[in-house]
Amino acid sequence: MIGTRTIPRVAGESGARDLAIAVGVIVALSRFAPDGFVWPIGVVLLAAVYLGALQIVGEADPAGQSAGVPIESVFLPAAAALAVLGAIRLVPVGIVLAPAFALAGGLVGLTLVTELRIARSSGPPSSTDRTAVLIEILIVGFLGFAGVAALVPGGLPAPGAGGEVAGGAVPAPLAWVAQAGGDALLAFLLAYRAAALRSTSFRDVAWFALTGAAVVAIAAVALRSIEIPRILGPALLVLVFFLWDAIHTGGRTRRRRDPRRLWETALLAVVGIVVIGWTLGQRG
């Protein structure tokens, strides 16, 4: 009919919806599990979403049978699943939990639909898709860093209160390692996806993901050592992540990047040693 237009559905949307529902159910069940059980649940959920998203994107991609599925296509949904698993611990038990569970699954579904749309396109991601991915990275990053802090004893210190482990349930060094490691894992997944938007070189993307994870881990240790109150810490980690991304957005000549990588890696190592030493000195 003249004057009408049908909006095409993205192939794989039904699979994305099913996966989002499954994640919402798992997140709902994990909310009532003891804190110690959430970490292994997170490992299983990460693997399940990774494999599920890989299957969904592969079936939706016309070239999926021959060219394979780009690994970055499943990193953002996997990171979103981890983020909502931890962030749901910040929602108090009550009537607000029901919409929180729906939003948790919806965020995973939203990231997967975006990746499906990119996989279906014949060329590189459009500016609209790039913006959508970056916004989703921002949301997932904040929720993820907040969720990791919520799962680690003393990760979200109250103003005027110490950030140490209450009751000595978990050794303080172990809590610090868990928080830095969880933040680094999320940062690696998000940094890999962000770098893949501007480069097709595995070497460039992997290097940025590893250094981004290291920067966030160092920042997490530093922020915890000065006991940044409540949600301000995760918000600052997101800022650190995007500042690091902005630094590497410009400049695309590879030959000039290799020397830069050397001094950046050395600088990260020095800063990491200084932060760890300063932190241990403060605790001692």
C-alpha atoms as a PDB file:
ATOM      1  CA  MET A   1       0.000   0.000   0.000  1.00  0.00           C
ATOM      2  CA  ILE A   2       1.296   3.460  -0.921  1.00  0.00           C
ATOM      3  CA  GLY A   3       2.334   5.573   2.059  1.00  0.00           C
ATOM      4  CA  THR A   4       2.859   2.634   4.402  1.00  0.00           C
ATOM      5  CA  ARG A   5       6.155   1.248   5.541  1.00  0.00           C
ATOM      6  CA  THR A   6       6.977  -1.956   7.320  1.00  0.00           C
ATOM      7  CA  ILE A   7       9.817  -1.847   9.819  1.00  0.00           C
ATOM      8  CA  PRO A   8      11.873  -5.027   9.391  1.00  0.00           C
ATOM      9  CA  ARG A   9      12.530  -7.088  12.462  1.00  0.00           C
ATOM     10  CA  VAL A  10      16.098  -7.914  13.367  1.00  0.00           C
ATOM     11  CA  ALA A  11      16.768 -11.594  12.775  1.00  0.00           C
ATOM     12  CA  GLY A  12      17.355 -13.371  16.063  1.00  0.00           C
ATOM     13  CA  GLU A  13      15.126 -11.116  18.178  1.00  0.00           C
ATOM     14  CA  SER A  14      13.160 -14.092  19.477  1.00  0.00           C
ATOM     15  CA  GLY A  15      16.373 -15.754  20.608  1.00  0.00           C
ATOM     16  CA  ALA A  16      17.507 -12.533  22.258  1.00  0.00           C
ATOM     17  CA  ARG A  17      14.180 -12.309  24.079  1.00  0.00           C
ATOM     18  CA  ASP A  18      14.442 -15.880  25.315  1.00  0.00           C
ATOM     19  CA  LEU A  19      17.981 -15.328  26.535  1.00  0.00           C
ATOM     20  CA  ALA A  20      16.940 -12.101  28.278  1.00  0.00           C
ATOM     21  CA  ILE A  21      14.123 -13.925  30.088  1.00  0.00           C
ATOM     22  CA  ALA A  22      16.509 -16.678  31.181  1.00  0.00           C
ATOM     23  CA  VAL A  23      18.971 -14.106  32.528  1.00  0.00           C
ATOM     24  CA  GLY A  24      16.168 -12.312  34.382  1.00  0.00           C
ATOM     25  CA  VAL A  25      15.129 -15.576  36.053  1.00  0.00           C
ATOM     26  CA  ILE A  26      18.693 -16.432  37.086  1.00  0.00           C
ATOM     27  CA  VAL A  27      19.266 -12.929  38.433  1.00  0.00           C
ATOM     28  CA  ALA A  28      16.001 -13.154  40.384  1.00  0.00           C
ATOM     29  CA  LEU A  29      17.028 -16.441  41.988  1.00  0.00           C
ATOM     30  CA  SER A  30      20.541 -15.191  42.739  1.00  0.00           C
ATOM     31  CA  ARG A  31      19.152 -12.182  44.636  1.00  0.00           C
ATOM     32  CA  PHE A  32      18.125 -14.485  47.476  1.00  0.00           C
ATOM     33  CA  ALA A  33      21.314 -16.572  47.451  1.00  0.00           C
ATOM     34  CA  PRO A  34      24.099 -15.978  50.008  1.00  0.00           C
ATOM     35  CA  ASP A  35      26.828 -13.607  48.859  1.00  0.00           C
ATOM     36  CA  GLY A  36      29.374 -16.412  48.633  1.00  0.00           C
ATOM     37  CA  PHE A  37      27.300 -18.279  46.059  1.00  0.00           C
ATOM     38  CA  VAL A  38      26.950 -15.318  43.708  1.00  0.00           C
ATOM     39  CA  TRP A  39      30.524 -15.542  42.398  1.00  0.00           C
ATOM     40  CA  PRO A  40      30.199 -19.126  41.064  1.00  0.00           C
ATOM     41  CA  ILE A  41      26.746 -18.232  39.720  1.00  0.00           C
ATOM     42  CA  GLY A  42      28.403 -15.347  37.900  1.00  0.00           C
ATOM     43  CA  VAL A  43      30.953 -17.668  36.271  1.00  0.00           C
ATOM     44  CA  VAL A  44      28.207 -20.022  35.059  1.00  0.00           C
ATOM     45  CA  LEU A  45      26.048 -17.111  33.870  1.00  0.00           C
ATOM     46  CA  LEU A  46      28.956 -15.550  31.981  1.00  0.00           C
ATOM     47  CA  ALA A  47      29.650 -18.808  30.146  1.00  0.00           C
ATOM     48  CA  ALA A  48      25.960 -19.403  29.426  1.00  0.00           C
ATOM     49  CA  VAL A  49      25.328 -15.918  28.016  1.00  0.00           C
ATOM     50  CA  TYR A  50      28.541 -16.060  26.001  1.00  0.00           C
ATOM     51  CA  LEU A  51      27.594 -19.357  24.371  1.00  0.00           C
ATOM     52  CA  GLY A  52      23.937 -18.388  23.973  1.00  0.00           C
ATOM     53  CA  ALA A  53      24.757 -15.032  22.394  1.00  0.00           C
ATOM     54  CA  LEU A  54      27.321 -16.710  20.143  1.00  0.00           C
ATOM     55  CA  GLN A  55      24.648 -19.065  18.848  1.00  0.00           C
ATOM     56  CA  ILE A  56      22.042 -16.327  18.384  1.00  0.00           C
ATOM     57  CA  VAL A  57      24.360 -13.924  16.558  1.00  0.00           C
ATOM     58  CA  GLY A  58      25.773 -16.766  14.457  1.00  0.00           C
ATOM     59  CA  GLU A  59      22.316 -17.798  13.262  1.00  0.00           C
ATOM     60  CA  ALA A  60      21.351 -14.207  12.488  1.00  0.00           C
ATOM     61  CA  ASP A  61      24.543 -13.392  10.585  1.00  0.00           C
ATOM     62  CA  PRO A  62      24.237 -14.268   6.893  1.00  0.00           C
ATOM     63  CA  ALA A  63      27.993 -14.861   6.764  1.00  0.00           C
ATOM     64  CA  GLY A  64      28.046 -16.667  10.072  1.00  0.00           C
ATOM     65  CA  GLN A  65      28.481 -20.107   8.503  1.00  0.00           C
ATOM     66  CA  SER A  66      31.614 -19.094   6.613  1.00  0.00           C
ATOM     67  CA  ALA A  67      33.204 -16.103   8.292  1.00  0.00           C
ATOM     68  CA  GLY A  68      32.325 -16.893  11.895  1.00  0.00           C
ATOM     69  CA  VAL A  69      30.967 -14.601  14.578  1.00  0.00           C
ATOM     70  CA  PRO A  70      33.159 -11.671  15.696  1.00  0.00           C
ATOM     71  CA  ILE A  71      34.019 -12.324  19.315  1.00  0.00           C
ATOM     72  CA  GLU A  72      33.289  -8.725  20.297  1.00  0.00           C
ATOM     73  CA  SER A  73      29.644  -9.257  19.349  1.00  0.00           C
ATOM     74  CA  VAL A  74      29.049 -11.357  22.452  1.00  0.00           C
ATOM     75  CA  PHE A  75      31.267  -9.518  24.937  1.00  0.00           C
ATOM     76  CA  LEU A  76      28.793  -6.725  25.698  1.00  0.00           C
ATOM     77  CA  PRO A  77      25.801  -9.028  26.415  1.00  0.00           C
ATOM     78  CA  ALA A  78      28.058 -11.201  28.604  1.00  0.00           C
ATOM     79  CA  ALA A  79      29.277  -8.139  30.509  1.00  0.00           C
ATOM     80  CA  ALA A  80      25.677  -6.931  30.885  1.00  0.00           C
ATOM     81  CA  ALA A  81      24.684 -10.249  32.454  1.00  0.00           C
ATOM     82  CA  LEU A  82      27.518  -9.991  34.992  1.00  0.00           C
ATOM     83  CA  ALA A  83      26.653  -6.365  35.694  1.00  0.00           C
ATOM     84  CA  VAL A  84      22.995  -6.972  36.512  1.00  0.00           C
ATOM     85  CA  LEU A  85      23.859 -10.046  38.583  1.00  0.00           C
ATOM     86  CA  GLY A  86      25.858  -7.876  40.960  1.00  0.00           C
ATOM     87  CA  ALA A  87      23.829  -4.674  40.736  1.00  0.00           C
ATOM     88  CA  ILE A  88      20.614  -6.460  41.758  1.00  0.00           C
ATOM     89  CA  ARG A  89      22.150  -6.845  45.235  1.00  0.00           C
ATOM     90  CA  LEU A  90      21.774  -3.084  45.655  1.00  0.00           C
ATOM     91  CA  VAL A  91      17.986  -3.271  45.231  1.00  0.00           C
ATOM     92  CA  PRO A  92      16.238  -3.727  48.605  1.00  0.00           C
ATOM     93  CA  VAL A  93      13.880  -6.648  49.014  1.00  0.00           C
ATOM     94  CA  GLY A  94      10.365  -5.444  48.277  1.00  0.00           C
ATOM     95  CA  ILE A  95       7.991  -4.587  45.503  1.00  0.00           C
ATOM     96  CA  VAL A  96      10.698  -2.811  43.491  1.00  0.00           C
ATOM     97  CA  LEU A  97      12.465  -6.114  42.899  1.00  0.00           C
ATOM     98  CA  ALA A  98       9.950  -7.236  40.259  1.00  0.00           C
ATOM     99  CA  PRO A  99      10.619  -4.366  37.801  1.00  0.00           C
ATOM    100  CA  ALA A 100      14.336  -4.611  38.643  1.00  0.00           C
ATOM    101  CA  PHE A 101      14.387  -8.227  37.466  1.00  0.00           C
ATOM    102  CA  ALA A 102      12.618  -7.237  34.246  1.00  0.00           C
ATOM    103  CA  LEU A 103      15.079  -4.398  33.636  1.00  0.00           C
ATOM    104  CA  ALA A 104      18.002  -6.723  34.313  1.00  0.00           C
ATOM    105  CA  GLY A 105      16.929  -9.146  31.614  1.00  0.00           C
ATOM    106  CA  GLY A 106      15.903  -6.276  29.351  1.00  0.00           C
ATOM    107  CA  LEU A 107      19.385  -4.754  29.446  1.00  0.00           C
ATOM    108  CA  VAL A 108      20.934  -8.026  28.280  1.00  0.00           C
ATOM    109  CA  GLY A 109      18.300  -8.289  25.547  1.00  0.00           C
ATOM    110  CA  LEU A 110      18.912  -4.687  24.462  1.00  0.00           C
ATOM    111  CA  THR A 111      22.657  -5.198  24.057  1.00  0.00           C
ATOM    112  CA  LEU A 112      22.094  -8.417  22.141  1.00  0.00           C
ATOM    113  CA  VAL A 113      19.587  -6.809  19.757  1.00  0.00           C
ATOM    114  CA  THR A 114      22.098  -4.031  19.067  1.00  0.00           C
ATOM    115  CA  GLU A 115      24.772  -6.611  18.279  1.00  0.00           C
ATOM    116  CA  LEU A 116      22.332  -8.472  16.030  1.00  0.00           C
ATOM    117  CA  ARG A 117      21.640  -5.306  14.087  1.00  0.00           C
ATOM    118  CA  ILE A 118      25.373  -4.699  13.628  1.00  0.00           C
ATOM    119  CA  ALA A 119      25.943  -8.309  12.585  1.00  0.00           C
ATOM    120  CA  ARG A 120      23.200  -8.068   9.967  1.00  0.00           C
ATOM    121  CA  SER A 121      24.647  -4.940   8.366  1.00  0.00           C
ATOM    122  CA  SER A 122      26.794  -5.392   5.287  1.00  0.00           C
ATOM    123  CA  GLY A 123      29.315  -2.691   6.241  1.00  0.00           C
ATOM    124  CA  PRO A 124      30.932  -1.284   9.373  1.00  0.00           C
ATOM    125  CA  PRO A 125      28.695  -0.098  12.240  1.00  0.00           C
ATOM    126  CA  SER A 126      26.786   3.099  11.511  1.00  0.00           C
ATOM    127  CA  SER A 127      27.185   6.192  13.675  1.00  0.00           C
ATOM    128  CA  THR A 128      23.824   5.381  15.282  1.00  0.00           C
ATOM    129  CA  ASP A 129      24.947   1.866  16.176  1.00  0.00           C
ATOM    130  CA  ARG A 130      28.276   3.154  17.497  1.00  0.00           C
ATOM    131  CA  THR A 131      26.475   5.631  19.724  1.00  0.00           C
ATOM    132  CA  ALA A 132      24.107   2.918  20.943  1.00  0.00           C
ATOM    133  CA  VAL A 133      27.006   0.608  21.812  1.00  0.00           C
ATOM    134  CA  LEU A 134      28.874   3.357  23.685  1.00  0.00           C
ATOM    135  CA  ILE A 135      25.763   4.281  25.685  1.00  0.00           C
ATOM    136  CA  GLU A 136      25.212   0.630  26.550  1.00  0.00           C
ATOM    137  CA  ILE A 137      28.867   0.335  27.601  1.00  0.00           C
ATOM    138  CA  LEU A 138      28.364   3.336  29.894  1.00  0.00           C
ATOM    139  CA  ILE A 139      25.283   1.783  31.523  1.00  0.00           C
ATOM    140  CA  VAL A 140      26.791  -1.685  31.821  1.00  0.00           C
ATOM    141  CA  GLY A 141      30.041  -0.285  33.176  1.00  0.00           C
ATOM    142  CA  PHE A 142      28.367   1.701  35.935  1.00  0.00           C
ATOM    143  CA  LEU A 143      26.069  -1.151  36.939  1.00  0.00           C
ATOM    144  CA  GLY A 144      28.916  -3.634  36.741  1.00  0.00           C
ATOM    145  CA  PHE A 145      31.372  -1.674  38.864  1.00  0.00           C
ATOM    146  CA  ALA A 146      28.616  -0.961  41.384  1.00  0.00           C
ATOM    147  CA  GLY A 147      27.647  -4.638  41.388  1.00  0.00           C
ATOM    148  CA  VAL A 148      31.201  -5.808  42.028  1.00  0.00           C
ATOM    149  CA  ALA A 149      31.496  -3.331  44.901  1.00  0.00           C
ATOM    150  CA  ALA A 150      28.188  -4.589  46.311  1.00  0.00           C
ATOM    151  CA  LEU A 151      29.415  -8.185  46.267  1.00  0.00           C
ATOM    152  CA  VAL A 152      32.714  -7.418  48.011  1.00  0.00           C
ATOM    153  CA  PRO A 153      32.603  -6.695  51.763  1.00  0.00           C
ATOM    154  CA  GLY A 154      33.480  -3.037  52.326  1.00  0.00           C
ATOM    155  CA  GLY A 155      33.268  -2.281  48.611  1.00  0.00           C
ATOM    156  CA  LEU A 156      30.716   0.506  49.105  1.00  0.00           C
ATOM    157  CA  PRO A 157      31.826   2.297  52.285  1.00  0.00           C
ATOM    158  CA  ALA A 158      29.350   4.646  53.918  1.00  0.00           C
ATOM    159  CA  PRO A 159      30.421   8.265  54.541  1.00  0.00           C
ATOM    160  CA  GLY A 160      32.312   8.453  57.806  1.00  0.00           C
ATOM    161  CA  ALA A 161      32.462   4.681  58.174  1.00  0.00           C
ATOM    162  CA  GLY A 162      35.419   2.416  57.601  1.00  0.00           C
ATOM    163  CA  GLY A 163      35.505   0.387  54.429  1.00  0.00           C
ATOM    164  CA  GLU A 164      36.901  -2.757  56.050  1.00  0.00           C
ATOM    165  CA  VAL A 165      35.184  -6.084  56.237  1.00  0.00           C
ATOM    166  CA  ALA A 166      32.590  -6.239  58.934  1.00  0.00           C
ATOM    167  CA  GLY A 167      33.037  -9.018  61.432  1.00  0.00           C
ATOM    168  CA  GLY A 168      36.165 -10.282  59.729  1.00  0.00           C
ATOM    169  CA  ALA A 169      34.133 -12.601  57.486  1.00  0.00           C
ATOM    170  CA  VAL A 170      36.559 -12.206  54.578  1.00  0.00           C
ATOM    171  CA  PRO A 171      40.244 -11.303  54.816  1.00  0.00           C
ATOM    172  CA  ALA A 172      40.734  -7.711  53.682  1.00  0.00           C
ATOM    173  CA  PRO A 173      43.446  -8.517  51.073  1.00  0.00           C
ATOM    174  CA  LEU A 174      41.149 -11.127  49.487  1.00  0.00           C
ATOM    175  CA  ALA A 175      38.314  -8.585  49.285  1.00  0.00           C
ATOM    176  CA  TRP A 176      40.639  -6.092  47.591  1.00  0.00           C
ATOM    177  CA  VAL A 177      41.815  -8.690  45.064  1.00  0.00           C
ATOM    178  CA  ALA A 178      38.221  -9.762  44.366  1.00  0.00           C
ATOM    179  CA  GLN A 179      37.093  -6.183  43.729  1.00  0.00           C
ATOM    180  CA  ALA A 180      40.050  -5.297  41.517  1.00  0.00           C
ATOM    181  CA  GLY A 181      39.737  -8.592  39.615  1.00  0.00           C
ATOM    182  CA  GLY A 182      35.988  -8.259  39.071  1.00  0.00           C
ATOM    183  CA  ASP A 183      36.347  -4.669  37.863  1.00  0.00           C
ATOM    184  CA  ALA A 184      39.223  -5.676  35.580  1.00  0.00           C
ATOM    185  CA  LEU A 185      37.193  -8.488  33.992  1.00  0.00           C
ATOM    186  CA  LEU A 186      34.290  -6.160  33.248  1.00  0.00           C
ATOM    187  CA  ALA A 187      36.632  -3.472  31.952  1.00  0.00           C
ATOM    188  CA  PHE A 188      38.341  -5.993  29.659  1.00  0.00           C
ATOM    189  CA  LEU A 189      35.043  -7.058  28.070  1.00  0.00           C
ATOM    190  CA  LEU A 190      33.848  -3.465  27.648  1.00  0.00           C
ATOM    191  CA  ALA A 191      37.201  -2.144  26.424  1.00  0.00           C
ATOM    192  CA  TYR A 192      37.441  -4.922  23.852  1.00  0.00           C
ATOM    193  CA  ARG A 193      34.003  -4.021  22.508  1.00  0.00           C
ATOM    194  CA  ALA A 194      34.797  -0.307  22.441  1.00  0.00           C
ATOM    195  CA  ALA A 195      38.115  -0.823  20.665  1.00  0.00           C
ATOM    196  CA  ALA A 196      36.536  -3.153  18.086  1.00  0.00           C
ATOM    197  CA  LEU A 197      34.343  -0.253  16.963  1.00  0.00           C
ATOM    198  CA  ARG A 198      37.369   1.608  15.623  1.00  0.00           C
ATOM    199  CA  SER A 199      39.852  -1.106  14.702  1.00  0.00           C
ATOM    200  CA  THR A 200      39.821  -4.508  13.025  1.00  0.00           C
ATOM    201  CA  SER A 201      43.310  -5.428  14.224  1.00  0.00           C
ATOM    202  CA  PHE A 202      43.195  -8.116  16.922  1.00  0.00           C
ATOM    203  CA  ARG A 203      46.538  -6.916  18.242  1.00  0.00           C
ATOM    204  CA  ASP A 204      45.330  -3.338  18.687  1.00  0.00           C
ATOM    205  CA  VAL A 205      41.989  -4.354  20.200  1.00  0.00           C
ATOM    206  CA  ALA A 206      43.485  -6.917  22.600  1.00  0.00           C
ATOM    207  CA  TRP A 207      46.176  -4.509  23.751  1.00  0.00           C
ATOM    208  CA  PHE A 208      43.654  -1.782  24.481  1.00  0.00           C
ATOM    209  CA  ALA A 209      41.410  -4.243  26.334  1.00  0.00           C
ATOM    210  CA  LEU A 210      44.275  -5.474  28.519  1.00  0.00           C
ATOM    211  CA  THR A 211      45.576  -2.006  29.326  1.00  0.00           C
ATOM    212  CA  GLY A 212      42.036  -0.740  29.948  1.00  0.00           C
ATOM    213  CA  ALA A 213      41.483  -3.579  32.410  1.00  0.00           C
ATOM    214  CA  ALA A 214      44.775  -2.743  34.131  1.00  0.00           C
ATOM    215  CA  VAL A 215      43.893   0.952  34.395  1.00  0.00           C
ATOM    216  CA  VAL A 216      40.490   0.199  35.917  1.00  0.00           C
ATOM    217  CA  ALA A 217      41.975  -2.328  38.359  1.00  0.00           C
ATOM    218  CA  ILE A 218      44.578   0.189  39.542  1.00  0.00           C
ATOM    219  CA  ALA A 219      41.917   2.878  39.860  1.00  0.00           C
ATOM    220  CA  ALA A 220      39.674   0.479  41.816  1.00  0.00           C
ATOM    221  CA  VAL A 221      42.439  -0.210  44.337  1.00  0.00           C
ATOM    222  CA  ALA A 222      43.223   3.500  44.660  1.00  0.00           C
ATOM    223  CA  LEU A 223      39.578   4.494  45.137  1.00  0.00           C
ATOM    224  CA  ARG A 224      39.010   1.765  47.706  1.00  0.00           C
ATOM    225  CA  SER A 225      42.107   2.800  49.642  1.00  0.00           C
ATOM    226  CA  ILE A 226      40.738   6.316  50.120  1.00  0.00           C
ATOM    227  CA  GLU A 227      37.243   4.931  50.826  1.00  0.00           C
ATOM    228  CA  ILE A 228      35.234   6.849  48.238  1.00  0.00           C
ATOM    229  CA  PRO A 229      31.668   6.726  49.606  1.00  0.00           C
ATOM    230  CA  ARG A 230      28.849   4.700  48.064  1.00  0.00           C
ATOM    231  CA  ILE A 231      28.123   4.893  44.330  1.00  0.00           C
ATOM    232  CA  LEU A 232      30.676   7.644  43.697  1.00  0.00           C
ATOM    233  CA  GLY A 233      33.434   5.032  43.399  1.00  0.00           C
ATOM    234  CA  PRO A 234      31.815   3.082  40.521  1.00  0.00           C
ATOM    235  CA  ALA A 235      30.931   6.371  38.810  1.00  0.00           C
ATOM    236  CA  LEU A 236      34.582   7.468  38.949  1.00  0.00           C
ATOM    237  CA  LEU A 237      35.669   4.106  37.528  1.00  0.00           C
ATOM    238  CA  VAL A 238      33.387   4.683  34.540  1.00  0.00           C
ATOM    239  CA  LEU A 239      34.967   8.127  34.110  1.00  0.00           C
ATOM    240  CA  VAL A 240      38.464   6.605  34.230  1.00  0.00           C
ATOM    241  CA  PHE A 241      37.440   4.005  31.645  1.00  0.00           C
ATOM    242  CA  PHE A 242      36.073   6.564  29.193  1.00  0.00           C
ATOM    243  CA  LEU A 243      39.036   8.905  29.677  1.00  0.00           C
ATOM    244  CA  TRP A 244      41.351   6.038  28.789  1.00  0.00           C
ATOM    245  CA  ASP A 245      39.181   5.277  25.767  1.00  0.00           C
ATOM    246  CA  ALA A 246      39.181   8.930  24.690  1.00  0.00           C
ATOM    247  CA  ILE A 247      42.978   9.065  24.848  1.00  0.00           C
ATOM    248  CA  HIS A 248      43.205   6.201  22.359  1.00  0.00           C
ATOM    249  CA  THR A 249      40.374   7.220  20.050  1.00  0.00           C
ATOM    250  CA  GLY A 250      42.553   9.488  17.932  1.00  0.00           C
ATOM    251  CA  GLY A 251      45.675   8.594  16.011  1.00  0.00           C
ATOM    252  CA  ARG A 252      45.428   5.581  13.734  1.00  0.00           C
ATOM    253  CA  THR A 253      48.972   5.073  12.491  1.00  0.00           C
ATOM    254  CA  ARG A 254      50.252   1.758  13.742  1.00  0.00           C
ATOM    255  CA  ARG A 255      53.951   2.496  13.484  1.00  0.00           C
ATOM    256  CA  ARG A 256      53.638   5.382  15.905  1.00  0.00           C
ATOM    257  CA  ARG A 257      51.683   3.325  18.359  1.00  0.00           C
ATOM    258  CA  ASP A 258      54.310   0.661  19.057  1.00  0.00           C
ATOM    259  CA  PRO A 259      56.754   2.922  20.986  1.00  0.00           C
ATOM    260  CA  ARG A 260      53.768   4.491  22.703  1.00  0.00           C
ATOM    261  CA  ARG A 261      52.637   1.071  23.869  1.00  0.00           C
ATOM    262  CA  LEU A 262      55.983   0.440  25.491  1.00  0.00           C
ATOM    263  CA  TRP A 263      56.007   3.545  27.630  1.00  0.00           C
ATOM    264  CA  GLU A 264      52.314   3.262  28.421  1.00  0.00           C
ATOM    265  CA  THR A 265      52.800  -0.320  29.630  1.00  0.00           C
ATOM    266  CA  ALA A 266      55.833   0.712  31.675  1.00  0.00           C
ATOM    267  CA  LEU A 267      53.926   3.655  33.130  1.00  0.00           C
ATOM    268  CA  LEU A 268      51.005   1.399  34.077  1.00  0.00           C
ATOM    269  CA  ALA A 269      53.382  -1.005  35.799  1.00  0.00           C
ATOM    270  CA  VAL A 270      55.012   1.813  37.769  1.00  0.00           C
ATOM    271  CA  VAL A 271      51.673   3.348  38.744  1.00  0.00           C
ATOM    272  CA  GLY A 272      50.357  -0.056  39.781  1.00  0.00           C
ATOM    273  CA  ILE A 273      53.367  -0.709  42.003  1.00  0.00           C
ATOM    274  CA  VAL A 274      53.105   2.752  43.554  1.00  0.00           C
ATOM    275  CA  VAL A 275      49.373   2.384  44.243  1.00  0.00           C
ATOM    276  CA  ILE A 276      49.777  -1.089  45.753  1.00  0.00           C
ATOM    277  CA  GLY A 277      52.725   0.035  47.861  1.00  0.00           C
ATOM    278  CA  TRP A 278      50.914   3.145  49.045  1.00  0.00           C
ATOM    279  CA  THR A 279      47.827   1.098  49.873  1.00  0.00           C
ATOM    280  CA  LEU A 280      49.782  -1.497  51.845  1.00  0.00           C
ATOM    281  CA  GLY A 281      51.556   1.296  53.684  1.00  0.00           C
ATOM    282  CA  GLN A 282      48.248   2.887  54.643  1.00  0.00           C
ATOM    283  CA  ARG A 283      46.788  -0.406  55.848  1.00  0.00           C
ATOM    284  CA  GLY A 284      49.924  -1.179  57.805  1.00  0.00           C
END
